[in-house]
N, C-alpha and C. Protein backbone atom coordinates (compact mmCIF):
# COMPACT_ATOMS: atom_id res chain seq x y z
N MET A 1 0.88 -6.17 1.42
CA MET A 1 2.00 -7.06 1.67
C MET A 1 3.42 -6.16 2.47
N TYR A 2 4.13 -6.92 2.93
CA TYR A 2 4.96 -6.27 3.68
C TYR A 2 6.51 -7.04 3.58
N VAL A 3 7.26 -6.30 3.24
CA VAL A 3 8.71 -6.71 2.92
C VAL A 3 9.82 -6.17 3.35
N SER A 4 10.34 -6.63 4.20
CA SER A 4 11.27 -6.72 5.18
C SER A 4 12.73 -7.43 4.92
N GLY A 5 13.87 -6.65 5.26
CA GLY A 5 15.16 -7.26 4.64
C GLY A 5 16.05 -6.39 4.80
N PRO A 6 17.51 -6.95 5.10
CA PRO A 6 18.63 -6.00 5.12
C PRO A 6 19.06 -5.57 4.21
N PRO A 7 19.72 -4.44 3.92
CA PRO A 7 19.77 -3.47 2.50
C PRO A 7 20.80 -4.51 1.70
N GLY A 8 20.01 -4.23 0.56
CA GLY A 8 21.03 -4.98 -0.47
C GLY A 8 20.19 -6.27 -0.52
N THR A 9 19.06 -6.46 -0.51
CA THR A 9 18.48 -7.89 -0.64
C THR A 9 17.41 -7.97 -1.58
N GLY A 10 17.41 -6.79 -2.20
CA GLY A 10 16.59 -6.76 -3.66
C GLY A 10 14.92 -6.62 -2.90
N LYS A 11 14.71 -6.01 -1.94
CA LYS A 11 13.34 -5.62 -1.86
C LYS A 11 12.68 -4.20 -2.54
N THR A 12 13.25 -3.59 -2.93
CA THR A 12 12.95 -2.37 -3.67
C THR A 12 12.77 -2.84 -5.23
N ALA A 13 13.64 -3.94 -5.30
CA ALA A 13 13.37 -4.66 -6.62
C ALA A 13 12.05 -5.18 -6.74
N LEU A 14 11.63 -6.01 -5.87
CA LEU A 14 10.74 -6.95 -5.67
C LEU A 14 9.42 -6.03 -5.69
N VAL A 15 9.29 -5.16 -4.95
CA VAL A 15 8.18 -4.16 -5.12
C VAL A 15 7.76 -3.70 -6.13
N THR A 16 8.86 -3.09 -6.93
CA THR A 16 8.85 -2.09 -8.07
C THR A 16 8.20 -3.63 -8.80
N ALA A 17 8.80 -4.53 -9.06
CA ALA A 17 8.41 -5.46 -10.27
C ALA A 17 7.12 -5.84 -9.84
N LEU A 18 6.51 -6.47 -8.84
CA LEU A 18 5.09 -6.36 -8.50
C LEU A 18 4.31 -5.29 -8.66
N GLY A 19 4.70 -4.49 -8.43
CA GLY A 19 4.05 -3.19 -8.93
C GLY A 19 3.51 -3.27 -10.21
N ARG A 20 4.57 -3.09 -11.08
CA ARG A 20 4.62 -3.16 -12.53
C ARG A 20 3.62 -4.28 -12.98
N GLU A 21 4.07 -5.55 -12.24
CA GLU A 21 3.01 -6.82 -13.14
C GLU A 21 1.69 -6.40 -12.71
N VAL A 22 1.29 -6.05 -11.30
CA VAL A 22 -0.27 -5.80 -10.96
C VAL A 22 -0.83 -5.03 -11.64
N MET A 23 -0.10 -3.58 -12.08
CA MET A 23 -0.66 -2.16 -12.49
C MET A 23 -1.14 -2.70 -13.85
N GLY A 24 -0.40 -3.74 -14.60
CA GLY A 24 -0.51 -4.19 -16.11
C GLY A 24 -1.72 -4.72 -15.99
N ARG A 25 -2.38 -5.19 -15.11
CA ARG A 25 -3.52 -6.11 -15.14
C ARG A 25 -4.58 -5.34 -14.34
N GLY A 26 -4.42 -4.09 -14.67
CA GLY A 26 -5.44 -3.21 -14.31
C GLY A 26 -5.82 -2.73 -12.49
N TRP A 27 -4.87 -3.16 -11.74
CA TRP A 27 -5.07 -3.51 -10.56
C TRP A 27 -4.11 -1.81 -9.90
N GLY A 28 -4.75 -1.22 -8.77
CA GLY A 28 -4.22 -0.02 -8.39
C GLY A 28 -3.05 -0.29 -6.89
N MET A 29 -1.93 0.58 -6.89
CA MET A 29 -0.95 0.14 -5.80
C MET A 29 -0.63 1.11 -5.36
N VAL A 30 -0.38 1.26 -3.89
CA VAL A 30 -0.07 2.27 -3.12
C VAL A 30 1.48 1.97 -2.67
N GLU A 31 2.16 2.64 -3.02
CA GLU A 31 3.39 1.98 -2.10
C GLU A 31 3.82 3.08 -1.00
N ILE A 32 4.15 2.91 0.25
CA ILE A 32 4.69 3.55 1.25
C ILE A 32 5.61 3.01 2.17
N GLY A 33 6.91 3.65 1.86
CA GLY A 33 7.68 3.46 3.02
C GLY A 33 7.76 4.03 4.33
N CYS A 34 7.66 2.45 4.97
CA CYS A 34 7.36 2.84 6.74
C CYS A 34 8.49 2.91 7.45
N MET A 35 9.59 3.15 7.04
CA MET A 35 10.56 3.04 8.16
C MET A 35 10.66 4.71 8.71
N GLY A 36 10.06 5.64 8.14
CA GLY A 36 10.03 7.04 8.40
C GLY A 36 8.64 7.24 9.34
N LEU A 37 7.91 6.50 9.54
CA LEU A 37 6.74 6.68 10.10
C LEU A 37 6.54 5.97 11.68
N LYS A 38 5.71 7.05 12.08
CA LYS A 38 4.86 6.31 13.22
C LYS A 38 3.96 5.58 12.92
N VAL A 39 3.74 4.40 14.11
CA VAL A 39 2.67 3.52 13.20
C VAL A 39 1.44 3.85 13.64
N GLY A 40 0.86 4.93 14.34
CA GLY A 40 -0.16 5.80 14.06
C GLY A 40 -0.34 6.62 12.90
N ASP A 41 0.60 6.98 12.05
CA ASP A 41 0.36 7.87 11.31
C ASP A 41 0.41 6.90 9.82
N ILE A 42 0.32 5.36 9.86
CA ILE A 42 0.27 4.62 8.74
C ILE A 42 -1.25 4.68 8.03
N TRP A 43 -2.47 4.58 9.29
CA TRP A 43 -3.81 4.63 8.15
C TRP A 43 -3.87 6.16 7.57
N ARG A 44 -3.12 7.28 8.50
CA ARG A 44 -3.10 8.45 7.95
C ARG A 44 -2.77 8.63 6.27
N ARG A 45 -1.70 8.34 6.11
CA ARG A 45 -0.74 7.92 4.77
C ARG A 45 -1.54 6.92 3.83
N LEU A 46 -2.08 5.86 4.24
CA LEU A 46 -2.83 5.03 3.57
C LEU A 46 -4.08 5.74 3.08
N GLY A 47 -4.98 6.59 3.92
CA GLY A 47 -5.91 7.12 3.73
C GLY A 47 -5.72 8.33 2.59
N GLU A 48 -4.98 8.86 2.62
CA GLU A 48 -4.34 10.04 1.73
C GLU A 48 -3.88 9.84 0.59
N GLU A 49 -3.59 8.28 0.26
CA GLU A 49 -2.99 8.03 -1.06
C GLU A 49 -4.24 7.12 -1.49
N LEU A 50 -5.48 6.33 -0.97
CA LEU A 50 -6.42 6.21 -1.44
C LEU A 50 -7.47 7.25 -1.57
N GLY A 51 -7.26 8.34 -1.28
CA GLY A 51 -8.73 9.64 -0.93
C GLY A 51 -9.72 8.84 -0.05
N CYS A 52 -9.71 8.30 0.81
CA CYS A 52 -10.47 7.74 2.13
C CYS A 52 -10.18 8.54 3.17
N VAL A 53 -11.28 8.18 3.91
CA VAL A 53 -11.17 8.44 5.27
C VAL A 53 -9.68 8.04 6.12
N LYS A 54 -9.00 8.80 6.73
CA LYS A 54 -7.99 8.66 7.21
C LYS A 54 -7.36 7.89 8.41
N THR A 55 -8.11 6.75 8.77
CA THR A 55 -8.43 6.10 9.85
C THR A 55 -8.34 4.75 9.38
N GLU A 56 -7.91 3.99 10.32
CA GLU A 56 -8.27 2.09 10.40
C GLU A 56 -9.57 1.79 9.28
N ALA A 57 -10.50 2.28 10.44
CA ALA A 57 -11.72 1.96 9.67
C ALA A 57 -12.25 2.53 8.53
N GLY A 58 -11.86 3.42 7.97
CA GLY A 58 -12.21 4.21 7.20
C GLY A 58 -11.28 3.56 5.71
N VAL A 59 -9.83 3.23 5.75
CA VAL A 59 -9.50 2.26 4.76
C VAL A 59 -9.83 0.97 4.83
N VAL A 60 -10.08 0.41 5.72
CA VAL A 60 -10.47 -1.19 5.47
C VAL A 60 -12.24 -0.85 4.93
N ASP A 61 -12.91 0.15 5.17
CA ASP A 61 -14.16 0.37 4.47
C ASP A 61 -14.04 0.56 2.73
N HIS A 62 -13.17 1.47 2.61
CA HIS A 62 -12.64 1.96 1.24
C HIS A 62 -12.38 0.47 0.56
N ILE A 63 -11.19 -0.26 1.02
CA ILE A 63 -10.82 -1.52 0.43
C ILE A 63 -11.83 -2.44 0.45
N GLU A 64 -12.86 -2.75 1.36
CA GLU A 64 -13.79 -3.62 1.54
C GLU A 64 -14.85 -3.17 -0.34
N GLY A 65 -15.05 -1.71 -0.12
CA GLY A 65 -15.79 -1.24 -0.83
C GLY A 65 -15.37 -1.67 -2.80
N LEU A 66 -13.90 -1.75 -2.57
CA LEU A 66 -13.41 -2.14 -4.08
C LEU A 66 -13.75 -3.28 -4.56
N ASN A 67 -13.52 -3.97 -3.29
CA ASN A 67 -13.33 -5.55 -4.03
C ASN A 67 -15.03 -5.73 -4.89
N GLY A 68 -15.86 -5.31 -4.92
CA GLY A 68 -16.91 -5.61 -5.63
C GLY A 68 -16.14 -5.05 -7.04
N ASP A 69 -15.54 -4.42 -7.44
CA ASP A 69 -14.90 -3.78 -8.49
C ASP A 69 -13.54 -4.72 -9.05
N LEU A 70 -13.24 -5.88 -8.34
CA LEU A 70 -12.08 -6.37 -8.86
C LEU A 70 -12.57 -7.63 -9.64
């Protein structure tokens, strides 16, 4: 999910509420503030948070491997 909007419109509140809801249902969640990241660093950060290979392919493979657990 990508959330964008001007300051004060409830972006953080929305993500926090959704995160609590999905975590309460047994899902995991990774929250990354992308404003301070270069585009090329997003896959590295996702890989760090997920504990997998820090490339687009590694993150996608990891997530696809989780689908059987959902």
